[in-house]
Amino acid sequence: MGDILSVDGDAVAAVEARVLQGWNKFRQLVPLFINKDISLVTIENFYKSCVHSCTLHGSETWPAKKQQLTLQRPEMSMIRWMCGIKVTGSHVVS
C-alpha cells in the first residue's frame, strides 16, 4: 500500500500521515458538519464516508499497537467539534 514501516515494525509515520489527511478532510467539511439544518444522521453518514474512511485507508496493514489510541483521539476531537463541545482543562463546556 506504500506505507512506510519503521525498523521495529511500527507504522507510526503512516498513522500520523493518515490522521493528518483525516483532519484536512474534516476541515474542508466543517461548514457541513456544524450546520444545524442538517440532521445528525446525515452528518454522521458524511463523516463516516468522507473523514473516517480517509483516515482508516490502508489501516489493515498496520500492526495493532498504539495506533488504535492514535486514531481514537483525533476522532473524538472531531466529534466534539461537530457537537459544539469545548474541553478546557478538566471542564467540558457546551
Protein backbone atom coordinates (compact mmCIF):
# COMPACT_ATOMS: atom_id res chain seq x y z
CA MET A 1 0.00 0.00 0.00
CA GLY A 2 3.03 2.26 0.05
CA ASP A 3 3.12 2.72 3.84
CA ILE A 4 6.49 3.10 5.47
CA LEU A 5 7.21 0.93 8.48
CA SER A 6 9.94 1.73 10.98
CA VAL A 7 12.75 -0.67 11.85
CA ASP A 8 10.83 -2.10 14.83
CA GLY A 9 7.73 -2.72 12.70
CA ASP A 10 5.69 0.28 13.81
CA ALA A 11 3.59 2.20 11.35
CA VAL A 12 3.69 5.45 13.32
CA ALA A 13 4.61 7.58 10.29
CA ALA A 14 1.81 6.05 8.23
CA VAL A 15 -0.72 6.56 11.04
CA GLU A 16 0.33 10.18 11.54
CA ALA A 17 0.02 10.85 7.81
CA ARG A 18 -3.48 9.33 7.68
CA VAL A 19 -4.60 11.29 10.76
CA LEU A 20 -3.34 14.49 9.11
CA GLN A 21 -5.25 13.67 5.94
CA GLY A 22 -8.37 12.96 8.01
CA TRP A 23 -8.06 16.35 9.73
CA ASN A 24 -7.63 18.06 6.34
CA LYS A 25 -10.77 16.38 5.02
CA PHE A 26 -12.64 17.28 8.22
CA ARG A 27 -11.64 20.96 7.95
CA GLN A 28 -12.90 21.03 4.36
CA LEU A 29 -16.29 19.77 5.53
CA VAL A 30 -16.66 21.74 8.80
CA PRO A 31 -19.40 24.04 7.40
CA LEU A 32 -21.46 20.95 6.63
CA PHE A 33 -20.75 19.31 9.99
CA ILE A 34 -21.77 22.30 12.12
CA ASN A 35 -24.86 23.17 10.08
CA LYS A 36 -27.87 22.90 12.41
CA ASP A 37 -30.28 22.48 9.46
CA ILE A 38 -28.83 19.07 8.57
CA SER A 39 -29.89 16.02 10.56
CA LEU A 40 -27.32 14.26 12.74
CA VAL A 41 -27.86 11.04 10.81
CA THR A 42 -26.87 12.76 7.57
CA ILE A 43 -23.86 14.39 9.24
CA GLU A 44 -22.83 11.02 10.66
CA ASN A 45 -23.08 9.41 7.22
CA PHE A 46 -20.95 12.17 5.66
CA TYR A 47 -18.40 11.84 8.45
CA LYS A 48 -18.14 8.07 8.08
CA SER A 49 -17.94 8.14 4.30
CA CYS A 50 -15.54 11.08 3.95
CA VAL A 51 -13.41 11.59 7.04
CA HIS A 52 -13.44 8.19 8.73
CA SER A 53 -12.75 6.26 5.54
CA CYS A 54 -9.97 8.72 4.58
CA THR A 55 -8.33 8.28 7.98
CA LEU A 56 -8.54 4.48 8.01
CA HIS A 57 -7.47 3.90 4.40
CA GLY A 58 -4.72 1.29 4.43
CA SER A 59 -5.02 0.63 8.16
CA GLU A 60 -5.44 -3.10 7.64
CA THR A 61 -1.70 -3.29 7.00
CA TRP A 62 -0.71 -1.54 10.25
CA PRO A 63 0.37 -3.58 13.25
CA ALA A 64 -2.23 -3.13 16.01
CA LYS A 65 -0.45 -1.46 18.90
CA LYS A 66 -0.64 2.18 19.91
CA GLN A 67 -2.12 3.06 16.53
CA GLN A 68 -5.64 2.50 17.88
CA LEU A 69 -5.15 5.20 20.51
CA THR A 70 -3.51 7.46 17.94
CA LEU A 71 -6.65 7.20 15.80
CA GLN A 72 -9.19 7.48 18.64
CA ARG A 73 -8.01 10.84 19.99
CA PRO A 74 -8.45 12.89 16.78
CA GLU A 75 -11.74 11.16 16.04
CA MET A 76 -13.12 12.13 19.45
CA SER A 77 -11.89 15.70 18.93
CA MET A 78 -13.72 15.87 15.59
CA ILE A 79 -16.91 14.52 17.12
CA ARG A 80 -16.73 17.06 19.97
CA TRP A 81 -16.20 19.82 17.40
CA MET A 82 -19.28 18.71 15.43
CA CYS A 83 -21.36 18.64 18.62
CA GLY A 84 -20.14 22.07 19.71
CA ILE A 85 -18.46 20.78 22.88
CA LYS A 86 -15.29 22.50 24.03
CA VAL A 87 -12.92 20.99 26.56
CA THR A 88 -10.99 23.49 28.67
CA GLY A 89 -8.62 21.84 31.10
CA SER A 90 -10.72 19.40 33.11
CA HIS A 91 -14.01 21.16 32.32
CA VAL A 92 -16.40 20.40 29.49
CA VAL A 93 -18.27 23.43 28.15
CA SER A 94 -21.25 23.07 25.85
